[in-house]
Amino acid sequence: MNKSELVDNVADRTGVSKKDVEASISGMFDVMADAVADGGDVTIQGWLKVERVNRKARMGHNPQTGEKMQIPASTATKVSALTKLKAAGKGS
């Protein structure tokens, strides 16, 4: 399901206009992005957790040459499914 299909489905289920649903979803993602950018996390209890994680520097290798190389420390965004979303994925 892409974003426009999500907007259509939410509008149909809630009776809210597609324009208002689109604005709400876009606003939610903007707030989530700002929270993660500031080093915080966002948890939608039972469904989803989005957080910023720090990755340590480590040694790796170039897969083409086999040469060892240093991979620098970095930050990344981690998205975790929580209980309700995991259960939905299992068909429960």
PDB file of N, CA and C in Angstrom:
ATOM      1  N   MET A   1       0.851  -1.170   0.000  1.00  0.00           N
ATOM      2  CA  MET A   1       0.000   0.000   0.000  1.00  0.00           C
ATOM      3  C   MET A   1       0.896   1.233   0.000  1.00  0.00           C
ATOM      4  N   ASN A   2       0.632   2.147  -0.905  1.00  0.00           N
ATOM      5  CA  ASN A   2       1.395   3.387  -0.922  1.00  0.00           C
ATOM      6  C   ASN A   2       0.634   4.473  -0.160  1.00  0.00           C
ATOM      7  N   LYS A   3       1.205   5.671  -0.109  1.00  0.00           N
ATOM      8  CA  LYS A   3       0.626   6.728   0.712  1.00  0.00           C
ATOM      9  C   LYS A   3      -0.770   7.129   0.222  1.00  0.00           C
ATOM     10  N   SER A   4      -0.964   7.253  -1.081  1.00  0.00           N
ATOM     11  CA  SER A   4      -2.281   7.663  -1.586  1.00  0.00           C
ATOM     12  C   SER A   4      -3.342   6.602  -1.294  1.00  0.00           C
ATOM     13  N   GLU A   5      -2.971   5.331  -1.357  1.00  0.00           N
ATOM     14  CA  GLU A   5      -3.908   4.262  -1.001  1.00  0.00           C
ATOM     15  C   GLU A   5      -4.220   4.300   0.491  1.00  0.00           C
ATOM     16  N   LEU A   6      -3.218   4.606   1.306  1.00  0.00           N
ATOM     17  CA  LEU A   6      -3.428   4.745   2.749  1.00  0.00           C
ATOM     18  C   LEU A   6      -4.409   5.878   3.032  1.00  0.00           C
ATOM     19  N   VAL A   7      -4.193   7.011   2.381  1.00  0.00           N
ATOM     20  CA  VAL A   7      -5.087   8.159   2.561  1.00  0.00           C
ATOM     21  C   VAL A   7      -6.518   7.776   2.171  1.00  0.00           C
ATOM     22  N   ASP A   8      -6.676   7.108   1.036  1.00  0.00           N
ATOM     23  CA  ASP A   8      -8.012   6.692   0.591  1.00  0.00           C
ATOM     24  C   ASP A   8      -8.681   5.770   1.613  1.00  0.00           C
ATOM     25  N   ASN A   9      -7.944   4.777   2.111  1.00  0.00           N
ATOM     26  CA  ASN A   9      -8.509   3.826   3.071  1.00  0.00           C
ATOM     27  C   ASN A   9      -8.885   4.486   4.385  1.00  0.00           C
ATOM     28  N   VAL A  10      -8.023   5.359   4.894  1.00  0.00           N
ATOM     29  CA  VAL A  10      -8.331   6.043   6.155  1.00  0.00           C
ATOM     30  C   VAL A  10      -9.543   6.960   5.976  1.00  0.00           C
ATOM     31  N   ALA A  11      -9.609   7.660   4.860  1.00  0.00           N
ATOM     32  CA  ALA A  11     -10.751   8.547   4.599  1.00  0.00           C
ATOM     33  C   ALA A  11     -12.048   7.737   4.532  1.00  0.00           C
ATOM     34  N   ASP A  12     -12.005   6.585   3.862  1.00  0.00           N
ATOM     35  CA  ASP A  12     -13.205   5.737   3.769  1.00  0.00           C
ATOM     36  C   ASP A  12     -13.636   5.213   5.133  1.00  0.00           C
ATOM     37  N   ARG A  13     -12.680   4.799   5.967  1.00  0.00           N
ATOM     38  CA  ARG A  13     -13.019   4.219   7.274  1.00  0.00           C
ATOM     39  C   ARG A  13     -13.497   5.254   8.280  1.00  0.00           C
ATOM     40  N   THR A  14     -12.985   6.482   8.165  1.00  0.00           N
ATOM     41  CA  THR A  14     -13.286   7.483   9.184  1.00  0.00           C
ATOM     42  C   THR A  14     -14.327   8.508   8.761  1.00  0.00           C
ATOM     43  N   GLY A  15     -14.565   8.629   7.457  1.00  0.00           N
ATOM     44  CA  GLY A  15     -15.508   9.645   6.993  1.00  0.00           C
ATOM     45  C   GLY A  15     -14.901  11.033   6.954  1.00  0.00           C
ATOM     46  N   VAL A  16     -13.598  11.138   7.140  1.00  0.00           N
ATOM     47  CA  VAL A  16     -12.884  12.413   7.082  1.00  0.00           C
ATOM     48  C   VAL A  16     -12.454  12.629   5.630  1.00  0.00           C
ATOM     49  N   SER A  17     -12.384  13.886   5.204  1.00  0.00           N
ATOM     50  CA  SER A  17     -12.016  14.157   3.816  1.00  0.00           C
ATOM     51  C   SER A  17     -10.578  13.705   3.532  1.00  0.00           C
ATOM     52  N   LYS A  18     -10.330  13.344   2.278  1.00  0.00           N
ATOM     53  CA  LYS A  18      -8.990  12.901   1.879  1.00  0.00           C
ATOM     54  C   LYS A  18      -7.961  13.998   2.112  1.00  0.00           C
ATOM     55  N   LYS A  19      -8.366  15.251   1.887  1.00  0.00           N
ATOM     56  CA  LYS A  19      -7.461  16.388   2.089  1.00  0.00           C
ATOM     57  C   LYS A  19      -7.029  16.474   3.554  1.00  0.00           C
ATOM     58  N   ASP A  20      -7.981  16.295   4.471  1.00  0.00           N
ATOM     59  CA  ASP A  20      -7.665  16.359   5.905  1.00  0.00           C
ATOM     60  C   ASP A  20      -6.819  15.168   6.342  1.00  0.00           C
ATOM     61  N   VAL A  21      -7.110  13.985   5.806  1.00  0.00           N
ATOM     62  CA  VAL A  21      -6.314  12.793   6.132  1.00  0.00           C
ATOM     63  C   VAL A  21      -4.889  12.977   5.634  1.00  0.00           C
ATOM     64  N   GLU A  22      -4.734  13.469   4.399  1.00  0.00           N
ATOM     65  CA  GLU A  22      -3.404  13.724   3.824  1.00  0.00           C
ATOM     66  C   GLU A  22      -2.617  14.687   4.701  1.00  0.00           C
ATOM     67  N   ALA A  23      -3.253  15.772   5.136  1.00  0.00           N
ATOM     68  CA  ALA A  23      -2.586  16.759   5.988  1.00  0.00           C
ATOM     69  C   ALA A  23      -2.190  16.141   7.331  1.00  0.00           C
ATOM     70  N   SER A  24      -3.053  15.315   7.895  1.00  0.00           N
ATOM     71  CA  SER A  24      -2.764  14.675   9.181  1.00  0.00           C
ATOM     72  C   SER A  24      -1.594  13.704   9.080  1.00  0.00           C
ATOM     73  N   ILE A  25      -1.608  12.874   8.039  1.00  0.00           N
ATOM     74  CA  ILE A  25      -0.531  11.899   7.864  1.00  0.00           C
ATOM     75  C   ILE A  25       0.792  12.604   7.597  1.00  0.00           C
ATOM     76  N   SER A  26       0.781  13.619   6.738  1.00  0.00           N
ATOM     77  CA  SER A  26       2.007  14.371   6.454  1.00  0.00           C
ATOM     78  C   SER A  26       2.522  15.050   7.719  1.00  0.00           C
ATOM     79  N   GLY A  27       1.610  15.623   8.494  1.00  0.00           N
ATOM     80  CA  GLY A  27       1.996  16.262   9.747  1.00  0.00           C
ATOM     81  C   GLY A  27       2.588  15.274  10.734  1.00  0.00           C
ATOM     82  N   MET A  28       2.008  14.073  10.800  1.00  0.00           N
ATOM     83  CA  MET A  28       2.516  13.044  11.706  1.00  0.00           C
ATOM     84  C   MET A  28       3.946  12.660  11.328  1.00  0.00           C
ATOM     85  N   PHE A  29       4.195  12.465  10.032  1.00  0.00           N
ATOM     86  CA  PHE A  29       5.545  12.101   9.599  1.00  0.00           C
ATOM     87  C   PHE A  29       6.540  13.231   9.821  1.00  0.00           C
ATOM     88  N   ASP A  30       6.102  14.474   9.667  1.00  0.00           N
ATOM     89  CA  ASP A  30       6.989  15.617   9.939  1.00  0.00           C
ATOM     90  C   ASP A  30       7.386  15.647  11.411  1.00  0.00           C
ATOM     91  N   VAL A  31       6.421  15.429  12.296  1.00  0.00           N
ATOM     92  CA  VAL A  31       6.689  15.422  13.738  1.00  0.00           C
ATOM     93  C   VAL A  31       7.628  14.271  14.098  1.00  0.00           C
ATOM     94  N   MET A  32       7.396  13.097  13.513  1.00  0.00           N
ATOM     95  CA  MET A  32       8.265  11.946  13.772  1.00  0.00           C
ATOM     96  C   MET A  32       9.696  12.233  13.310  1.00  0.00           C
ATOM     97  N   ALA A  33       9.838  12.803  12.127  1.00  0.00           N
ATOM     98  CA  ALA A  33      11.165  13.106  11.591  1.00  0.00           C
ATOM     99  C   ALA A  33      11.888  14.124  12.474  1.00  0.00           C
ATOM    100  N   ASP A  34      11.174  15.144  12.934  1.00  0.00           N
ATOM    101  CA  ASP A  34      11.782  16.145  13.812  1.00  0.00           C
ATOM    102  C   ASP A  34      12.230  15.526  15.130  1.00  0.00           C
ATOM    103  N   ALA A  35      11.400  14.656  15.709  1.00  0.00           N
ATOM    104  CA  ALA A  35      11.743  14.017  16.983  1.00  0.00           C
ATOM    105  C   ALA A  35      12.996  13.152  16.837  1.00  0.00           C
ATOM    106  N   VAL A  36      13.064  12.369  15.774  1.00  0.00           N
ATOM    107  CA  VAL A  36      14.227  11.498  15.556  1.00  0.00           C
ATOM    108  C   VAL A  36      15.469  12.334  15.260  1.00  0.00           C
ATOM    109  N   ALA A  37      15.314  13.407  14.488  1.00  0.00           N
ATOM    110  CA  ALA A  37      16.445  14.280  14.172  1.00  0.00           C
ATOM    111  C   ALA A  37      17.012  14.925  15.434  1.00  0.00           C
ATOM    112  N   ASP A  38      16.148  15.182  16.420  1.00  0.00           N
ATOM    113  CA  ASP A  38      16.581  15.790  17.681  1.00  0.00           C
ATOM    114  C   ASP A  38      17.120  14.758  18.664  1.00  0.00           C
ATOM    115  N   GLY A  39      17.200  13.490  18.246  1.00  0.00           N
ATOM    116  CA  GLY A  39      17.757  12.450  19.104  1.00  0.00           C
ATOM    117  C   GLY A  39      16.733  11.724  19.950  1.00  0.00           C
ATOM    118  N   GLY A  40      15.458  12.055  19.781  1.00  0.00           N
ATOM    119  CA  GLY A  40      14.414  11.394  20.550  1.00  0.00           C
ATOM    120  C   GLY A  40      13.884  10.178  19.821  1.00  0.00           C
ATOM    121  N   ASP A  41      12.818   9.630  20.342  1.00  0.00           N
ATOM    122  CA  ASP A  41      12.167   8.515  19.662  1.00  0.00           C
ATOM    123  C   ASP A  41      10.662   8.727  19.697  1.00  0.00           C
ATOM    124  N   VAL A  42       9.961   7.985  18.863  1.00  0.00           N
ATOM    125  CA  VAL A  42       8.508   8.058  18.793  1.00  0.00           C
ATOM    126  C   VAL A  42       7.984   6.636  18.954  1.00  0.00           C
ATOM    127  N   THR A  43       7.079   6.440  19.908  1.00  0.00           N
ATOM    128  CA  THR A  43       6.480   5.131  20.115  1.00  0.00           C
ATOM    129  C   THR A  43       4.967   5.259  20.007  1.00  0.00           C
ATOM    130  N   ILE A  44       4.390   4.463  19.132  1.00  0.00           N
ATOM    131  CA  ILE A  44       2.942   4.344  19.053  1.00  0.00           C
ATOM    132  C   ILE A  44       2.655   3.004  19.712  1.00  0.00           C
ATOM    133  N   GLN A  45       2.235   3.066  20.975  1.00  0.00           N
ATOM    134  CA  GLN A  45       2.148   1.901  21.853  1.00  0.00           C
ATOM    135  C   GLN A  45       1.487   0.710  21.176  1.00  0.00           C
ATOM    136  N   GLY A  46       2.204  -0.400  21.150  1.00  0.00           N
ATOM    137  CA  GLY A  46       1.688  -1.632  20.586  1.00  0.00           C
ATOM    138  C   GLY A  46       1.895  -1.760  19.086  1.00  0.00           C
ATOM    139  N   TRP A  47       2.218  -0.672  18.400  1.00  0.00           N
ATOM    140  CA  TRP A  47       2.300  -0.696  16.949  1.00  0.00           C
ATOM    141  C   TRP A  47       3.705  -0.502  16.394  1.00  0.00           C
ATOM    142  N   LEU A  48       4.382   0.571  16.845  1.00  0.00           N
ATOM    143  CA  LEU A  48       5.576   0.994  16.137  1.00  0.00           C
ATOM    144  C   LEU A  48       6.479   1.829  17.025  1.00  0.00           C
ATOM    145  N   LYS A  49       7.775   1.644  16.864  1.00  0.00           N
ATOM    146  CA  LYS A  49       8.746   2.494  17.553  1.00  0.00           C
ATOM    147  C   LYS A  49       9.779   2.942  16.524  1.00  0.00           C
ATOM    148  N   VAL A  50      10.042   4.255  16.495  1.00  0.00           N
ATOM    149  CA  VAL A  50      11.032   4.835  15.596  1.00  0.00           C
ATOM    150  C   VAL A  50      12.050   5.555  16.470  1.00  0.00           C
ATOM    151  N   GLU A  51      13.325   5.222  16.288  1.00  0.00           N
ATOM    152  CA  GLU A  51      14.356   5.835  17.125  1.00  0.00           C
ATOM    153  C   GLU A  51      15.646   6.042  16.342  1.00  0.00           C
ATOM    154  N   ARG A  52      16.453   6.949  16.838  1.00  0.00           N
ATOM    155  CA  ARG A  52      17.777   7.192  16.267  1.00  0.00           C
ATOM    156  C   ARG A  52      18.779   6.371  17.050  1.00  0.00           C
ATOM    157  N   VAL A  53      19.638   5.638  16.330  1.00  0.00           N
ATOM    158  CA  VAL A  53      20.643   4.809  16.981  1.00  0.00           C
ATOM    159  C   VAL A  53      22.036   5.220  16.509  1.00  0.00           C
ATOM    160  N   ASN A  54      22.996   5.038  17.393  1.00  0.00           N
ATOM    161  CA  ASN A  54      24.388   5.328  17.061  1.00  0.00           C
ATOM    162  C   ASN A  54      25.097   4.024  16.744  1.00  0.00           C
ATOM    163  N   ARG A  55      25.821   4.028  15.648  1.00  0.00           N
ATOM    164  CA  ARG A  55      26.596   2.856  15.262  1.00  0.00           C
ATOM    165  C   ARG A  55      28.065   3.167  15.492  1.00  0.00           C
ATOM    166  N   LYS A  56      28.763   2.249  16.159  1.00  0.00           N
ATOM    167  CA  LYS A  56      30.181   2.427  16.453  1.00  0.00           C
ATOM    168  C   LYS A  56      31.010   2.223  15.195  1.00  0.00           C
ATOM    169  N   ALA A  57      32.194   2.824  15.199  1.00  0.00           N
ATOM    170  CA  ALA A  57      33.149   2.576  14.119  1.00  0.00           C
ATOM    171  C   ALA A  57      33.578   1.116  14.194  1.00  0.00           C
ATOM    172  N   ARG A  58      33.856   0.540  13.034  1.00  0.00           N
ATOM    173  CA  ARG A  58      34.245  -0.870  13.028  1.00  0.00           C
ATOM    174  C   ARG A  58      35.101  -1.158  11.792  1.00  0.00           C
ATOM    175  N   MET A  59      35.722  -2.317  11.820  1.00  0.00           N
ATOM    176  CA  MET A  59      36.506  -2.750  10.670  1.00  0.00           C
ATOM    177  C   MET A  59      35.605  -3.556   9.734  1.00  0.00           C
ATOM    178  N   GLY A  60      35.759  -3.324   8.455  1.00  0.00           N
ATOM    179  CA  GLY A  60      35.017  -4.071   7.450  1.00  0.00           C
ATOM    180  C   GLY A  60      35.977  -4.446   6.336  1.00  0.00           C
ATOM    181  N   HIS A  61      35.440  -4.883   5.239  1.00  0.00           N
ATOM    182  CA  HIS A  61      36.293  -5.192   4.100  1.00  0.00           C
ATOM    183  C   HIS A  61      35.569  -4.854   2.796  1.00  0.00           C
ATOM    184  N   ASN A  62      36.362  -4.516   1.808  1.00  0.00           N
ATOM    185  CA  ASN A  62      35.838  -4.247   0.482  1.00  0.00           C
ATOM    186  C   ASN A  62      35.506  -5.595  -0.151  1.00  0.00           C
ATOM    187  N   PRO A  63      34.240  -5.861  -0.502  1.00  0.00           N
ATOM    188  CA  PRO A  63      33.876  -7.173  -1.027  1.00  0.00           C
ATOM    189  C   PRO A  63      34.524  -7.497  -2.377  1.00  0.00           C
ATOM    190  N   GLN A  64      34.923  -6.479  -3.127  1.00  0.00           N
ATOM    191  CA  GLN A  64      35.543  -6.737  -4.426  1.00  0.00           C
ATOM    192  C   GLN A  64      37.010  -7.107  -4.303  1.00  0.00           C
ATOM    193  N   THR A  65      37.709  -6.423  -3.382  1.00  0.00           N
ATOM    194  CA  THR A  65      39.155  -6.650  -3.268  1.00  0.00           C
ATOM    195  C   THR A  65      39.537  -7.441  -2.034  1.00  0.00           C
ATOM    196  N   GLY A  66      38.634  -7.499  -1.047  1.00  0.00           N
ATOM    197  CA  GLY A  66      38.949  -8.176   0.199  1.00  0.00           C
ATOM    198  C   GLY A  66      39.793  -7.308   1.126  1.00  0.00           C
ATOM    199  N   GLU A  67      40.130  -6.100   0.693  1.00  0.00           N
ATOM    200  CA  GLU A  67      40.962  -5.189   1.487  1.00  0.00           C
ATOM    201  C   GLU A  67      40.199  -4.730   2.727  1.00  0.00           C
ATOM    202  N   LYS A  68      40.886  -4.732   3.886  1.00  0.00           N
ATOM    203  CA  LYS A  68      40.274  -4.258   5.125  1.00  0.00           C
ATOM    204  C   LYS A  68      40.168  -2.741   5.071  1.00  0.00           C
ATOM    205  N   MET A  69      39.087  -2.247   5.677  1.00  0.00           N
ATOM    206  CA  MET A  69      38.877  -0.803   5.705  1.00  0.00           C
ATOM    207  C   MET A  69      38.120  -0.422   6.972  1.00  0.00           C
ATOM    208  N   GLN A  70      38.351   0.801   7.414  1.00  0.00           N
ATOM    209  CA  GLN A  70      37.687   1.322   8.601  1.00  0.00           C
ATOM    210  C   GLN A  70      36.340   1.905   8.183  1.00  0.00           C
ATOM    211  N   ILE A  71      35.274   1.469   8.844  1.00  0.00           N
ATOM    212  CA  ILE A  71      33.944   2.028   8.619  1.00  0.00           C
ATOM    213  C   ILE A  71      33.691   3.004   9.767  1.00  0.00           C
ATOM    214  N   PRO A  72      33.462   4.277   9.453  1.00  0.00           N
ATOM    215  CA  PRO A  72      33.326   5.275  10.515  1.00  0.00           C
ATOM    216  C   PRO A  72      32.033   5.131  11.314  1.00  0.00           C
ATOM    217  N   ALA A  73      32.009   5.731  12.500  1.00  0.00           N
ATOM    218  CA  ALA A  73      30.798   5.760  13.333  1.00  0.00           C
ATOM    219  C   ALA A  73      29.731   6.558  12.582  1.00  0.00           C
ATOM    220  N   SER A  74      28.480   6.221  12.820  1.00  0.00           N
ATOM    221  CA  SER A  74      27.388   6.919  12.146  1.00  0.00           C
ATOM    222  C   SER A  74      26.115   6.822  12.975  1.00  0.00           C
ATOM    223  N   THR A  75      25.112   7.556  12.548  1.00  0.00           N
ATOM    224  CA  THR A  75      23.792   7.443  13.167  1.00  0.00           C
ATOM    225  C   THR A  75      22.827   6.916  12.108  1.00  0.00           C
ATOM    226  N   ALA A  76      21.796   6.234  12.558  1.00  0.00           N
ATOM    227  CA  ALA A  76      20.797   5.674  11.653  1.00  0.00           C
ATOM    228  C   ALA A  76      19.433   5.729  12.327  1.00  0.00           C
ATOM    229  N   THR A  77      18.401   5.527  11.562  1.00  0.00           N
ATOM    230  CA  THR A  77      17.046   5.455  12.093  1.00  0.00           C
ATOM    231  C   THR A  77      16.612   4.002  12.118  1.00  0.00           C
ATOM    232  N   LYS A  78      16.105   3.575  13.261  1.00  0.00           N
ATOM    233  CA  LYS A  78      15.652   2.204  13.445  1.00  0.00           C
ATOM    234  C   LYS A  78      14.140   2.218  13.632  1.00  0.00           C
ATOM    235  N   VAL A  79      13.448   1.384  12.875  1.00  0.00           N
ATOM    236  CA  VAL A  79      11.994   1.251  12.989  1.00  0.00           C
ATOM    237  C   VAL A  79      11.702  -0.167  13.450  1.00  0.00           C
ATOM    238  N   SER A  80      10.982  -0.290  14.567  1.00  0.00           N
ATOM    239  CA  SER A  80      10.660  -1.601  15.128  1.00  0.00           C
ATOM    240  C   SER A  80       9.156  -1.814  15.172  1.00  0.00           C
ATOM    241  N   ALA A  81       8.726  -2.993  14.743  1.00  0.00           N
ATOM    242  CA  ALA A  81       7.323  -3.373  14.866  1.00  0.00           C
ATOM    243  C   ALA A  81       7.091  -3.839  16.303  1.00  0.00           C
ATOM    244  N   LEU A  82       5.980  -3.417  16.882  1.00  0.00           N
ATOM    245  CA  LEU A  82       5.631  -3.843  18.234  1.00  0.00           C
ATOM    246  C   LEU A  82       4.519  -4.898  18.167  1.00  0.00           C
ATOM    247  N   THR A  83       3.981  -5.299  19.301  1.00  0.00           N
ATOM    248  CA  THR A  83       3.137  -6.481  19.408  1.00  0.00           C
ATOM    249  C   THR A  83       1.948  -6.541  18.449  1.00  0.00           C
ATOM    250  N   LYS A  84       1.183  -5.468  18.337  1.00  0.00           N
ATOM    251  CA  LYS A  84      -0.006  -5.490  17.482  1.00  0.00           C
ATOM    252  C   LYS A  84       0.365  -5.630  16.012  1.00  0.00           C
ATOM    253  N   LEU A  85       1.438  -4.947  15.598  1.00  0.00           N
ATOM    254  CA  LEU A  85       1.860  -5.015  14.203  1.00  0.00           C
ATOM    255  C   LEU A  85       2.463  -6.377  13.892  1.00  0.00           C
ATOM    256  N   LYS A  86       3.207  -6.943  14.848  1.00  0.00           N
ATOM    257  CA  LYS A  86       3.755  -8.293  14.669  1.00  0.00           C
ATOM    258  C   LYS A  86       2.632  -9.313  14.536  1.00  0.00           C
ATOM    259  N   ALA A  87       1.604  -9.186  15.376  1.00  0.00           N
ATOM    260  CA  ALA A  87       0.470 -10.109  15.323  1.00  0.00           C
ATOM    261  C   ALA A  87      -0.262  -9.988  13.991  1.00  0.00           C
ATOM    262  N   ALA A  88      -0.410  -8.778  13.490  1.00  0.00           N
ATOM    263  CA  ALA A  88      -1.073  -8.589  12.185  1.00  0.00           C
ATOM    264  C   ALA A  88      -0.270  -9.226  11.081  1.00  0.00           C
ATOM    265  N   GLY A  89       1.043  -9.159  11.166  1.00  0.00           N
ATOM    266  CA  GLY A  89       1.918  -9.781  10.175  1.00  0.00           C
ATOM    267  C   GLY A  89       1.828 -11.293  10.182  1.00  0.00           C
ATOM    268  N   LYS A  90       1.501 -11.858  11.333  1.00  0.00           N
ATOM    269  CA  LYS A  90       1.351 -13.315  11.452  1.00  0.00           C
ATOM    270  C   LYS A  90      -0.050 -13.770  11.069  1.00  0.00           C
ATOM    271  N   GLY A  91      -0.936 -12.802  10.817  1.00  0.00           N
ATOM    272  CA  GLY A  91      -2.316 -13.156  10.450  1.00  0.00           C
ATOM    273  C   GLY A  91      -3.200 -13.383  11.644  1.00  0.00           C
ATOM    274  N   SER A  92      -2.776 -12.931  12.809  1.00  0.00           N
ATOM    275  CA  SER A  92      -3.578 -13.125  14.032  1.00  0.00           C
ATOM    276  C   SER A  92      -4.614 -12.046  14.181  1.00  0.00           C
TER     277      SER A  92
END
